Amino acid sequence: MEQKIIEIIANLCGAEPEEIEPNLALFEEGLLDSFAAIQLVMELEEAFGVSLDMASLPRESIATPVAIAGLIREKLVTRAADGKSLTYGDKVIHLSTAGSSAMELEYLVKNHFR
């Protein structure tokens, strides 16, 4: 998952993926501004099949690639808790969450969507 996020950021910024480190401060380093943040959110929604509301999205949640990965995982866990299937690339997990704990769902997301 982190690598895909880094690739998206690199593509938006015209950088090479190797130049984007996991804890790189995207706004402070000038890689993201308001317009690029909107583009980034749209790319993330498409790539990971999640819905991100820019109006209620704290800047800190997209400040670094690591923060973005945490946000995406959180959205995927929430989606899984709603009983929906999770899709990332060619991986699909169909969930029936009756009896599944939040920890079990988080484990699925972390271990199947890297």
PDB file of N, CA and C in Angstrom:
ATOM      1  N   MET A   1       0.825  -1.184   0.000  1.00  0.00           N
ATOM      2  CA  MET A   1       0.000   0.000   0.000  1.00  0.00           C
ATOM      3  C   MET A   1       0.877   1.259   0.000  1.00  0.00           C
ATOM      4  N   GLU A   2       1.890   1.273   0.861  1.00  0.00           N
ATOM      5  CA  GLU A   2       2.755   2.438   0.948  1.00  0.00           C
ATOM      6  C   GLU A   2       3.437   2.727  -0.387  1.00  0.00           C
ATOM      7  N   GLN A   3       3.857   1.680  -1.073  1.00  0.00           N
ATOM      8  CA  GLN A   3       4.528   1.878  -2.360  1.00  0.00           C
ATOM      9  C   GLN A   3       3.582   2.497  -3.379  1.00  0.00           C
ATOM     10  N   LYS A   4       2.340   2.054  -3.410  1.00  0.00           N
ATOM     11  CA  LYS A   4       1.353   2.628  -4.329  1.00  0.00           C
ATOM     12  C   LYS A   4       1.117   4.099  -4.000  1.00  0.00           C
ATOM     13  N   ILE A   5       1.036   4.437  -2.725  1.00  0.00           N
ATOM     14  CA  ILE A   5       0.858   5.825  -2.305  1.00  0.00           C
ATOM     15  C   ILE A   5       2.048   6.671  -2.754  1.00  0.00           C
ATOM     16  N   ILE A   6       3.242   6.148  -2.562  1.00  0.00           N
ATOM     17  CA  ILE A   6       4.455   6.858  -2.983  1.00  0.00           C
ATOM     18  C   ILE A   6       4.457   7.056  -4.497  1.00  0.00           C
ATOM     19  N   GLU A   7       4.033   6.064  -5.251  1.00  0.00           N
ATOM     20  CA  GLU A   7       3.964   6.190  -6.711  1.00  0.00           C
ATOM     21  C   GLU A   7       2.971   7.268  -7.123  1.00  0.00           C
ATOM     22  N   ILE A   8       1.831   7.331  -6.450  1.00  0.00           N
ATOM     23  CA  ILE A   8       0.823   8.355  -6.754  1.00  0.00           C
ATOM     24  C   ILE A   8       1.389   9.742  -6.476  1.00  0.00           C
ATOM     25  N   ILE A   9       2.034   9.902  -5.328  1.00  0.00           N
ATOM     26  CA  ILE A   9       2.619  11.196  -4.964  1.00  0.00           C
ATOM     27  C   ILE A   9       3.697  11.590  -5.968  1.00  0.00           C
ATOM     28  N   ALA A  10       4.567  10.666  -6.292  1.00  0.00           N
ATOM     29  CA  ALA A  10       5.647  10.944  -7.239  1.00  0.00           C
ATOM     30  C   ALA A  10       5.085  11.370  -8.588  1.00  0.00           C
ATOM     31  N   ASN A  11       4.063  10.686  -9.047  1.00  0.00           N
ATOM     32  CA  ASN A  11       3.441  11.023 -10.327  1.00  0.00           C
ATOM     33  C   ASN A  11       2.853  12.432 -10.297  1.00  0.00           C
ATOM     34  N   LEU A  12       2.176  12.782  -9.213  1.00  0.00           N
ATOM     35  CA  LEU A  12       1.581  14.115  -9.095  1.00  0.00           C
ATOM     36  C   LEU A  12       2.631  15.215  -9.033  1.00  0.00           C
ATOM     37  N   CYS A  13       3.762  14.910  -8.412  1.00  0.00           N
ATOM     38  CA  CYS A  13       4.796  15.926  -8.179  1.00  0.00           C
ATOM     39  C   CYS A  13       5.871  15.938  -9.250  1.00  0.00           C
ATOM     40  N   GLY A  14       5.826  15.005 -10.161  1.00  0.00           N
ATOM     41  CA  GLY A  14       6.860  14.924 -11.179  1.00  0.00           C
ATOM     42  C   GLY A  14       8.197  14.465 -10.623  1.00  0.00           C
ATOM     43  N   ALA A  15       8.129  13.649  -9.576  1.00  0.00           N
ATOM     44  CA  ALA A  15       9.346  13.129  -8.933  1.00  0.00           C
ATOM     45  C   ALA A  15       9.470  11.635  -9.209  1.00  0.00           C
ATOM     46  N   GLU A  16      10.607  11.097  -8.868  1.00  0.00           N
ATOM     47  CA  GLU A  16      10.806   9.656  -8.940  1.00  0.00           C
ATOM     48  C   GLU A  16      10.357   9.054  -7.604  1.00  0.00           C
ATOM     49  N   PRO A  17       9.742   7.867  -7.626  1.00  0.00           N
ATOM     50  CA  PRO A  17       9.303   7.243  -6.373  1.00  0.00           C
ATOM     51  C   PRO A  17      10.424   7.109  -5.338  1.00  0.00           C
ATOM     52  N   GLU A  18      11.658   6.913  -5.786  1.00  0.00           N
ATOM     53  CA  GLU A  18      12.783   6.767  -4.866  1.00  0.00           C
ATOM     54  C   GLU A  18      13.042   8.054  -4.077  1.00  0.00           C
ATOM     55  N   GLU A  19      12.578   9.183  -4.602  1.00  0.00           N
ATOM     56  CA  GLU A  19      12.786  10.470  -3.943  1.00  0.00           C
ATOM     57  C   GLU A  19      11.780  10.718  -2.815  1.00  0.00           C
ATOM     58  N   ILE A  20      10.717   9.937  -2.776  1.00  0.00           N
ATOM     59  CA  ILE A  20       9.649  10.139  -1.794  1.00  0.00           C
ATOM     60  C   ILE A  20       9.854   9.160  -0.641  1.00  0.00           C
ATOM     61  N   GLU A  21      10.256   9.689   0.500  1.00  0.00           N
ATOM     62  CA  GLU A  21      10.465   8.855   1.683  1.00  0.00           C
ATOM     63  C   GLU A  21       9.163   8.755   2.485  1.00  0.00           C
ATOM     64  N   PRO A  22       8.979   7.684   3.234  1.00  0.00           N
ATOM     65  CA  PRO A  22       7.724   7.473   3.962  1.00  0.00           C
ATOM     66  C   PRO A  22       7.334   8.606   4.907  1.00  0.00           C
ATOM     67  N   ASN A  23       8.294   9.271   5.529  1.00  0.00           N
ATOM     68  CA  ASN A  23       7.980  10.344   6.475  1.00  0.00           C
ATOM     69  C   ASN A  23       8.218  11.741   5.908  1.00  0.00           C
ATOM     70  N   LEU A  24       8.322  11.843   4.597  1.00  0.00           N
ATOM     71  CA  LEU A  24       8.547  13.133   3.951  1.00  0.00           C
ATOM     72  C   LEU A  24       7.357  14.058   4.205  1.00  0.00           C
ATOM     73  N   ALA A  25       7.631  15.264   4.711  1.00  0.00           N
ATOM     74  CA  ALA A  25       6.586  16.257   4.978  1.00  0.00           C
ATOM     75  C   ALA A  25       6.196  16.907   3.647  1.00  0.00           C
ATOM     76  N   LEU A  26       5.111  16.441   3.064  1.00  0.00           N
ATOM     77  CA  LEU A  26       4.733  16.807   1.701  1.00  0.00           C
ATOM     78  C   LEU A  26       4.414  18.288   1.532  1.00  0.00           C
ATOM     79  N   PHE A  27       3.720  18.894   2.485  1.00  0.00           N
ATOM     80  CA  PHE A  27       3.390  20.318   2.389  1.00  0.00           C
ATOM     81  C   PHE A  27       4.620  21.182   2.670  1.00  0.00           C
ATOM     82  N   GLU A  28       5.355  20.843   3.719  1.00  0.00           N
ATOM     83  CA  GLU A  28       6.512  21.633   4.106  1.00  0.00           C
ATOM     84  C   GLU A  28       7.617  21.600   3.051  1.00  0.00           C
ATOM     85  N   GLU A  29       7.722  20.494   2.346  1.00  0.00           N
ATOM     86  CA  GLU A  29       8.744  20.374   1.297  1.00  0.00           C
ATOM     87  C   GLU A  29       8.276  20.959  -0.037  1.00  0.00           C
ATOM     88  N   GLY A  30       7.047  21.466  -0.064  1.00  0.00           N
ATOM     89  CA  GLY A  30       6.535  22.098  -1.271  1.00  0.00           C
ATOM     90  C   GLY A  30       6.027  21.138  -2.332  1.00  0.00           C
ATOM     91  N   LEU A  31       5.862  19.872  -1.979  1.00  0.00           N
ATOM     92  CA  LEU A  31       5.363  18.892  -2.946  1.00  0.00           C
ATOM     93  C   LEU A  31       3.852  18.946  -3.087  1.00  0.00           C
ATOM     94  N   LEU A  32       3.164  19.368  -2.022  1.00  0.00           N
ATOM     95  CA  LEU A  32       1.711  19.494  -2.064  1.00  0.00           C
ATOM     96  C   LEU A  32       1.298  20.912  -1.698  1.00  0.00           C
ATOM     97  N   ASP A  33       0.341  21.425  -2.452  1.00  0.00           N
ATOM     98  CA  ASP A  33      -0.359  22.648  -2.087  1.00  0.00           C
ATOM     99  C   ASP A  33      -1.847  22.297  -2.115  1.00  0.00           C
ATOM    100  N   SER A  34      -2.716  23.271  -1.989  1.00  0.00           N
ATOM    101  CA  SER A  34      -4.159  22.994  -1.933  1.00  0.00           C
ATOM    102  C   SER A  34      -4.651  22.261  -3.180  1.00  0.00           C
ATOM    103  N   PHE A  35      -4.221  22.722  -4.343  1.00  0.00           N
ATOM    104  CA  PHE A  35      -4.665  22.100  -5.594  1.00  0.00           C
ATOM    105  C   PHE A  35      -4.143  20.675  -5.718  1.00  0.00           C
ATOM    106  N   ALA A  36      -2.857  20.485  -5.426  1.00  0.00           N
ATOM    107  CA  ALA A  36      -2.263  19.145  -5.514  1.00  0.00           C
ATOM    108  C   ALA A  36      -2.893  18.203  -4.492  1.00  0.00           C
ATOM    109  N   ALA A  37      -3.290  18.733  -3.325  1.00  0.00           N
ATOM    110  CA  ALA A  37      -3.935  17.902  -2.306  1.00  0.00           C
ATOM    111  C   ALA A  37      -5.264  17.366  -2.819  1.00  0.00           C
ATOM    112  N   ILE A  38      -6.006  18.199  -3.525  1.00  0.00           N
ATOM    113  CA  ILE A  38      -7.280  17.749  -4.106  1.00  0.00           C
ATOM    114  C   ILE A  38      -7.023  16.659  -5.140  1.00  0.00           C
ATOM    115  N   GLN A  39      -6.039  16.864  -5.984  1.00  0.00           N
ATOM    116  CA  GLN A  39      -5.673  15.845  -6.974  1.00  0.00           C
ATOM    117  C   GLN A  39      -5.253  14.550  -6.292  1.00  0.00           C
ATOM    118  N   LEU A  40      -4.462  14.671  -5.237  1.00  0.00           N
ATOM    119  CA  LEU A  40      -3.999  13.500  -4.496  1.00  0.00           C
ATOM    120  C   LEU A  40      -5.176  12.714  -3.931  1.00  0.00           C
ATOM    121  N   VAL A  41      -6.102  13.412  -3.312  1.00  0.00           N
ATOM    122  CA  VAL A  41      -7.268  12.749  -2.723  1.00  0.00           C
ATOM    123  C   VAL A  41      -8.071  12.019  -3.797  1.00  0.00           C
ATOM    124  N   MET A  42      -8.259  12.632  -4.945  1.00  0.00           N
ATOM    125  CA  MET A  42      -8.996  11.970  -6.030  1.00  0.00           C
ATOM    126  C   MET A  42      -8.270  10.713  -6.506  1.00  0.00           C
ATOM    127  N   GLU A  43      -6.949  10.795  -6.615  1.00  0.00           N
ATOM    128  CA  GLU A  43      -6.146   9.630  -7.019  1.00  0.00           C
ATOM    129  C   GLU A  43      -6.226   8.515  -5.981  1.00  0.00           C
ATOM    130  N   LEU A  44      -6.168   8.883  -4.698  1.00  0.00           N
ATOM    131  CA  LEU A  44      -6.260   7.887  -3.629  1.00  0.00           C
ATOM    132  C   LEU A  44      -7.626   7.208  -3.633  1.00  0.00           C
ATOM    133  N   GLU A  45      -8.678   7.980  -3.827  1.00  0.00           N
ATOM    134  CA  GLU A  45     -10.023   7.404  -3.876  1.00  0.00           C
ATOM    135  C   GLU A  45     -10.135   6.378  -4.998  1.00  0.00           C
ATOM    136  N   GLU A  46      -9.589   6.726  -6.141  1.00  0.00           N
ATOM    137  CA  GLU A  46      -9.646   5.811  -7.288  1.00  0.00           C
ATOM    138  C   GLU A  46      -8.780   4.570  -7.067  1.00  0.00           C
ATOM    139  N   ALA A  47      -7.585   4.765  -6.554  1.00  0.00           N
ATOM    140  CA  ALA A  47      -6.645   3.655  -6.390  1.00  0.00           C
ATOM    141  C   ALA A  47      -7.085   2.662  -5.320  1.00  0.00           C
ATOM    142  N   PHE A  48      -7.687   3.159  -4.236  1.00  0.00           N
ATOM    143  CA  PHE A  48      -8.002   2.287  -3.103  1.00  0.00           C
ATOM    144  C   PHE A  48      -9.491   2.051  -2.895  1.00  0.00           C
ATOM    145  N   GLY A  49     -10.336   2.670  -3.722  1.00  0.00           N
ATOM    146  CA  GLY A  49     -11.774   2.445  -3.619  1.00  0.00           C
ATOM    147  C   GLY A  49     -12.379   2.959  -2.325  1.00  0.00           C
ATOM    148  N   VAL A  50     -11.841   4.072  -1.826  1.00  0.00           N
ATOM    149  CA  VAL A  50     -12.371   4.665  -0.603  1.00  0.00           C
ATOM    150  C   VAL A  50     -12.938   6.044  -0.925  1.00  0.00           C
ATOM    151  N   SER A  51     -13.730   6.559  -0.007  1.00  0.00           N
ATOM    152  CA  SER A  51     -14.283   7.897  -0.157  1.00  0.00           C
ATOM    153  C   SER A  51     -13.650   8.796   0.894  1.00  0.00           C
ATOM    154  N   LEU A  52     -13.050   9.888   0.432  1.00  0.00           N
ATOM    155  CA  LEU A  52     -12.389  10.835   1.330  1.00  0.00           C
ATOM    156  C   LEU A  52     -13.038  12.207   1.137  1.00  0.00           C
ATOM    157  N   ASP A  53     -13.562  12.780   2.190  1.00  0.00           N
ATOM    158  CA  ASP A  53     -14.220  14.072   2.127  1.00  0.00           C
ATOM    159  C   ASP A  53     -13.210  15.168   2.427  1.00  0.00           C
ATOM    160  N   MET A  54     -12.814  15.911   1.402  1.00  0.00           N
ATOM    161  CA  MET A  54     -11.801  16.964   1.569  1.00  0.00           C
ATOM    162  C   MET A  54     -12.217  17.998   2.604  1.00  0.00           C
ATOM    163  N   ALA A  55     -13.502  18.297   2.689  1.00  0.00           N
ATOM    164  CA  ALA A  55     -13.973  19.338   3.609  1.00  0.00           C
ATOM    165  C   ALA A  55     -13.721  18.967   5.069  1.00  0.00           C
ATOM    166  N   SER A  56     -13.763  17.686   5.378  1.00  0.00           N
ATOM    167  CA  SER A  56     -13.569  17.272   6.769  1.00  0.00           C
ATOM    168  C   SER A  56     -12.263  16.499   6.980  1.00  0.00           C
ATOM    169  N   LEU A  57     -11.391  16.551   6.005  1.00  0.00           N
ATOM    170  CA  LEU A  57     -10.129  15.818   6.070  1.00  0.00           C
ATOM    171  C   LEU A  57      -9.036  16.711   6.656  1.00  0.00           C
ATOM    172  N   PRO A  58      -8.536  16.384   7.848  1.00  0.00           N
ATOM    173  CA  PRO A  58      -7.460  17.210   8.419  1.00  0.00           C
ATOM    174  C   PRO A  58      -6.194  17.133   7.563  1.00  0.00           C
ATOM    175  N   ARG A  59      -5.530  18.257   7.424  1.00  0.00           N
ATOM    176  CA  ARG A  59      -4.304  18.316   6.624  1.00  0.00           C
ATOM    177  C   ARG A  59      -3.269  17.299   7.113  1.00  0.00           C
ATOM    178  N   GLU A  60      -3.226  17.073   8.427  1.00  0.00           N
ATOM    179  CA  GLU A  60      -2.252  16.138   9.001  1.00  0.00           C
ATOM    180  C   GLU A  60      -2.443  14.718   8.465  1.00  0.00           C
ATOM    181  N   SER A  61      -3.658  14.382   8.068  1.00  0.00           N
ATOM    182  CA  SER A  61      -3.924  13.016   7.610  1.00  0.00           C
ATOM    183  C   SER A  61      -3.339  12.733   6.229  1.00  0.00           C
ATOM    184  N   ILE A  62      -2.939  13.795   5.519  1.00  0.00           N
ATOM    185  CA  ILE A  62      -2.280  13.608   4.221  1.00  0.00           C
ATOM    186  C   ILE A  62      -0.933  14.326   4.180  1.00  0.00           C
ATOM    187  N   ALA A  63      -0.341  14.563   5.345  1.00  0.00           N
ATOM    188  CA  ALA A  63       0.911  15.320   5.429  1.00  0.00           C
ATOM    189  C   ALA A  63       2.140  14.515   5.032  1.00  0.00           C
ATOM    190  N   THR A  64       2.096  13.193   5.206  1.00  0.00           N
ATOM    191  CA  THR A  64       3.223  12.320   4.854  1.00  0.00           C
ATOM    192  C   THR A  64       2.668  11.035   4.228  1.00  0.00           C
ATOM    193  N   PRO A  65       3.480  10.314   3.478  1.00  0.00           N
ATOM    194  CA  PRO A  65       3.015   9.029   2.951  1.00  0.00           C
ATOM    195  C   PRO A  65       2.562   8.065   4.052  1.00  0.00           C
ATOM    196  N   VAL A  66       3.253   8.064   5.184  1.00  0.00           N
ATOM    197  CA  VAL A  66       2.876   7.189   6.297  1.00  0.00           C
ATOM    198  C   VAL A  66       1.495   7.575   6.833  1.00  0.00           C
ATOM    199  N   ALA A  67       1.252   8.877   6.978  1.00  0.00           N
ATOM    200  CA  ALA A  67      -0.056   9.344   7.445  1.00  0.00           C
ATOM    201  C   ALA A  67      -1.152   8.960   6.460  1.00  0.00           C
ATOM    202  N   ILE A  68      -0.855   9.074   5.183  1.00  0.00           N
ATOM    203  CA  ILE A  68      -1.835   8.710   4.151  1.00  0.00           C
ATOM    204  C   ILE A  68      -2.158   7.226   4.237  1.00  0.00           C
ATOM    205  N   ALA A  69      -1.140   6.400   4.414  1.00  0.00           N
ATOM    206  CA  ALA A  69      -1.369   4.956   4.541  1.00  0.00           C
ATOM    207  C   ALA A  69      -2.260   4.658   5.738  1.00  0.00           C
ATOM    208  N   GLY A  70      -2.033   5.343   6.852  1.00  0.00           N
ATOM    209  CA  GLY A  70      -2.879   5.160   8.027  1.00  0.00           C
ATOM    210  C   GLY A  70      -4.316   5.560   7.757  1.00  0.00           C
ATOM    211  N   LEU A  71      -4.506   6.659   7.045  1.00  0.00           N
ATOM    212  CA  LEU A  71      -5.845   7.114   6.682  1.00  0.00           C
ATOM    213  C   LEU A  71      -6.546   6.092   5.798  1.00  0.00           C
ATOM    214  N   ILE A  72      -5.853   5.585   4.797  1.00  0.00           N
ATOM    215  CA  ILE A  72      -6.443   4.608   3.877  1.00  0.00           C
ATOM    216  C   ILE A  72      -6.795   3.332   4.632  1.00  0.00           C
ATOM    217  N   ARG A  73      -5.900   2.868   5.494  1.00  0.00           N
ATOM    218  CA  ARG A  73      -6.202   1.666   6.288  1.00  0.00           C
ATOM    219  C   ARG A  73      -7.433   1.882   7.159  1.00  0.00           C
ATOM    220  N   GLU A  74      -7.529   3.053   7.773  1.00  0.00           N
ATOM    221  CA  GLU A  74      -8.681   3.367   8.609  1.00  0.00           C
ATOM    222  C   GLU A  74      -9.973   3.329   7.793  1.00  0.00           C
ATOM    223  N   LYS A  75      -9.929   3.903   6.604  1.00  0.00           N
ATOM    224  CA  LYS A  75     -11.113   3.904   5.734  1.00  0.00           C
ATOM    225  C   LYS A  75     -11.464   2.484   5.293  1.00  0.00           C
ATOM    226  N   LEU A  76     -10.455   1.677   5.008  1.00  0.00           N
ATOM    227  CA  LEU A  76     -10.710   0.293   4.602  1.00  0.00           C
ATOM    228  C   LEU A  76     -11.301  -0.522   5.745  1.00  0.00           C
ATOM    229  N   VAL A  77     -10.813  -0.301   6.963  1.00  0.00           N
ATOM    230  CA  VAL A  77     -11.357  -1.010   8.129  1.00  0.00           C
ATOM    231  C   VAL A  77     -12.805  -0.590   8.354  1.00  0.00           C
ATOM    232  N   THR A  78     -13.085   0.701   8.241  1.00  0.00           N
ATOM    233  CA  THR A  78     -14.459   1.193   8.393  1.00  0.00           C
ATOM    234  C   THR A  78     -15.359   0.574   7.339  1.00  0.00           C
ATOM    235  N   ARG A  79     -14.863   0.531   6.126  1.00  0.00           N
ATOM    236  CA  ARG A  79     -15.637  -0.067   5.028  1.00  0.00           C
ATOM    237  C   ARG A  79     -15.881  -1.547   5.293  1.00  0.00           C
ATOM    238  N   ALA A  80     -14.870  -2.234   5.793  1.00  0.00           N
ATOM    239  CA  ALA A  80     -15.008  -3.655   6.105  1.00  0.00           C
ATOM    240  C   ALA A  80     -16.021  -3.853   7.219  1.00  0.00           C
ATOM    241  N   ALA A  81     -16.009  -2.961   8.202  1.00  0.00           N
ATOM    242  CA  ALA A  81     -16.946  -3.072   9.314  1.00  0.00           C
ATOM    243  C   ALA A  81     -18.382  -2.881   8.842  1.00  0.00           C
ATOM    244  N   ASP A  82     -18.543  -2.194   7.725  1.00  0.00           N
ATOM    245  CA  ASP A  82     -19.874  -2.007   7.148  1.00  0.00           C
ATOM    246  C   ASP A  82     -20.318  -3.223   6.338  1.00  0.00           C
ATOM    247  N   GLY A  83     -19.471  -4.249   6.275  1.00  0.00           N
ATOM    248  CA  GLY A  83     -19.828  -5.489   5.597  1.00  0.00           C
ATOM    249  C   GLY A  83     -19.605  -5.481   4.105  1.00  0.00           C
ATOM    250  N   LYS A  84     -18.779  -4.572   3.617  1.00  0.00           N
ATOM    251  CA  LYS A  84     -18.508  -4.494   2.191  1.00  0.00           C
ATOM    252  C   LYS A  84     -17.243  -5.274   1.863  1.00  0.00           C
ATOM    253  N   SER A  85     -17.054  -5.562   0.592  1.00  0.00           N
ATOM    254  CA  SER A  85     -15.816  -6.222   0.188  1.00  0.00           C
ATOM    255  C   SER A  85     -14.723  -5.174   0.052  1.00  0.00           C
ATOM    256  N   LEU A  86     -13.500  -5.611   0.219  1.00  0.00           N
ATOM    257  CA  LEU A  86     -12.343  -4.748   0.059  1.00  0.00           C
ATOM    258  C   LEU A  86     -11.637  -5.128  -1.225  1.00  0.00           C
ATOM    259  N   THR A  87     -11.232  -4.130  -2.006  1.00  0.00           N
ATOM    260  CA  THR A  87     -10.540  -4.370  -3.256  1.00  0.00           C
ATOM    261  C   THR A  87      -9.304  -3.495  -3.315  1.00  0.00           C
ATOM    262  N   TYR A  88      -8.189  -4.090  -3.692  1.00  0.00           N
ATOM    263  CA  TYR A  88      -6.975  -3.331  -3.934  1.00  0.00           C
ATOM    264  C   TYR A  88      -6.210  -4.065  -5.013  1.00  0.00           C
ATOM    265  N   GLY A  89      -6.074  -3.420  -6.162  1.00  0.00           N
ATOM    266  CA  GLY A  89      -5.427  -4.082  -7.286  1.00  0.00           C
ATOM    267  C   GLY A  89      -6.206  -5.324  -7.665  1.00  0.00           C
ATOM    268  N   ASP A  90      -5.533  -6.465  -7.679  1.00  0.00           N
ATOM    269  CA  ASP A  90      -6.200  -7.713  -8.039  1.00  0.00           C
ATOM    270  C   ASP A  90      -6.674  -8.488  -6.816  1.00  0.00           C
ATOM    271  N   LYS A  91      -6.547  -7.895  -5.617  1.00  0.00           N
ATOM    272  CA  LYS A  91      -6.960  -8.571  -4.395  1.00  0.00           C
ATOM    273  C   LYS A  91      -8.361  -8.127  -3.999  1.00  0.00           C
ATOM    274  N   VAL A  92      -9.204  -9.093  -3.680  1.00  0.00           N
ATOM    275  CA  VAL A  92     -10.551  -8.799  -3.201  1.00  0.00           C
ATOM    276  C   VAL A  92     -10.829  -9.694  -2.002  1.00  0.00           C
ATOM    277  N   ILE A  93     -11.312  -9.093  -0.935  1.00  0.00           N
ATOM    278  CA  ILE A  93     -11.741  -9.855   0.235  1.00  0.00           C
ATOM    279  C   ILE A  93     -13.208  -9.545   0.447  1.00  0.00           C
ATOM    280  N   HIS A  94     -14.054 -10.561   0.375  1.00  0.00           N
ATOM    281  CA  HIS A  94     -15.471 -10.389   0.649  1.00  0.00           C
ATOM    282  C   HIS A  94     -15.685 -10.671   2.124  1.00  0.00           C
ATOM    283  N   LEU A  95     -16.329  -9.733   2.787  1.00  0.00           N
ATOM    284  CA  LEU A  95     -16.430  -9.822   4.226  1.00  0.00           C
ATOM    285  C   LEU A  95     -17.850 -10.009   4.708  1.00  0.00           C
ATOM    286  N   SER A  96     -17.971 -10.880   5.643  1.00  0.00           N
ATOM    287  CA  SER A  96     -19.166 -10.969   6.457  1.00  0.00           C
ATOM    288  C   SER A  96     -18.662 -10.713   7.857  1.00  0.00           C
ATOM    289  N   THR A  97     -18.947  -9.546   8.390  1.00  0.00           N
ATOM    290  CA  THR A  97     -18.277  -9.129   9.614  1.00  0.00           C
ATOM    291  C   THR A  97     -18.996  -9.544  10.879  1.00  0.00           C
ATOM    292  N   ALA A  98     -20.034 -10.341  10.773  1.00  0.00           N
ATOM    293  CA  ALA A  98     -20.702 -10.792  11.986  1.00  0.00           C
ATOM    294  C   ALA A  98     -19.697 -11.522  12.850  1.00  0.00           C
ATOM    295  N   GLY A  99     -19.472 -11.008  14.028  1.00  0.00           N
ATOM    296  CA  GLY A  99     -18.525 -11.634  14.944  1.00  0.00           C
ATOM    297  C   GLY A  99     -17.093 -11.184  14.745  1.00  0.00           C
ATOM    298  N   SER A 100     -16.811 -10.399  13.712  1.00  0.00           N
ATOM    299  CA  SER A 100     -15.449  -9.919  13.503  1.00  0.00           C
ATOM    300  C   SER A 100     -15.201  -8.698  14.365  1.00  0.00           C
ATOM    301  N   SER A 101     -14.076  -8.699  15.027  1.00  0.00           N
ATOM    302  CA  SER A 101     -13.723  -7.542  15.840  1.00  0.00           C
ATOM    303  C   SER A 101     -12.978  -6.526  14.988  1.00  0.00           C
ATOM    304  N   ALA A 102     -12.880  -5.319  15.489  1.00  0.00           N
ATOM    305  CA  ALA A 102     -12.130  -4.276  14.789  1.00  0.00           C
ATOM    306  C   ALA A 102     -10.676  -4.692  14.619  1.00  0.00           C
ATOM    307  N   MET A 103     -10.133  -5.402  15.623  1.00  0.00           N
ATOM    308  CA  MET A 103      -8.736  -5.848  15.524  1.00  0.00           C
ATOM    309  C   MET A 103      -8.572  -6.862  14.395  1.00  0.00           C
ATOM    310  N   GLU A 104      -9.536  -7.764  14.241  1.00  0.00           N
ATOM    311  CA  GLU A 104      -9.459  -8.750  13.165  1.00  0.00           C
ATOM    312  C   GLU A 104      -9.540  -8.063  11.804  1.00  0.00           C
ATOM    313  N   LEU A 105     -10.412  -7.074  11.683  1.00  0.00           N
ATOM    314  CA  LEU A 105     -10.546  -6.351  10.419  1.00  0.00           C
ATOM    315  C   LEU A 105      -9.277  -5.571  10.117  1.00  0.00           C
ATOM    316  N   GLU A 106      -8.705  -4.941  11.129  1.00  0.00           N
ATOM    317  CA  GLU A 106      -7.470  -4.194  10.941  1.00  0.00           C
ATOM    318  C   GLU A 106      -6.345  -5.136  10.513  1.00  0.00           C
ATOM    319  N   TYR A 107      -6.293  -6.327  11.101  1.00  0.00           N
ATOM    320  CA  TYR A 107      -5.296  -7.328  10.720  1.00  0.00           C
ATOM    321  C   TYR A 107      -5.442  -7.681   9.237  1.00  0.00           C
ATOM    322  N   LEU A 108      -6.672  -7.913   8.796  1.00  0.00           N
ATOM    323  CA  LEU A 108      -6.914  -8.238   7.384  1.00  0.00           C
ATOM    324  C   LEU A 108      -6.394  -7.128   6.483  1.00  0.00           C
ATOM    325  N   VAL A 109      -6.730  -5.909   6.805  1.00  0.00           N
ATOM    326  CA  VAL A 109      -6.321  -4.778   5.963  1.00  0.00           C
ATOM    327  C   VAL A 109      -4.805  -4.649   5.946  1.00  0.00           C
ATOM    328  N   LYS A 110      -4.163  -4.702   7.101  1.00  0.00           N
ATOM    329  CA  LYS A 110      -2.711  -4.523   7.161  1.00  0.00           C
ATOM    330  C   LYS A 110      -1.953  -5.632   6.464  1.00  0.00           C
ATOM    331  N   ASN A 111      -2.483  -6.865   6.546  1.00  0.00           N
ATOM    332  CA  ASN A 111      -1.730  -7.989   6.011  1.00  0.00           C
ATOM    333  C   ASN A 111      -2.092  -8.371   4.585  1.00  0.00           C
ATOM    334  N   HIS A 112      -3.205  -7.906   4.094  1.00  0.00           N
ATOM    335  CA  HIS A 112      -3.588  -8.267   2.733  1.00  0.00           C
ATOM    336  C   HIS A 112      -3.505  -7.096   1.769  1.00  0.00           C
ATOM    337  N   PHE A 113      -3.348  -5.879   2.296  1.00  0.00           N
ATOM    338  CA  PHE A 113      -3.293  -4.697   1.444  1.00  0.00           C
ATOM    339  C   PHE A 113      -2.026  -3.915   1.732  1.00  0.00           C
ATOM    340  N   ARG A 114      -0.898  -4.471   1.344  1.00  0.00           N
ATOM    341  CA  ARG A 114       0.393  -3.805   1.557  1.00  0.00           C
ATOM    342  C   ARG A 114       0.791  -3.046   0.330  1.00  0.00           C
TER     343      ARG A 114
END
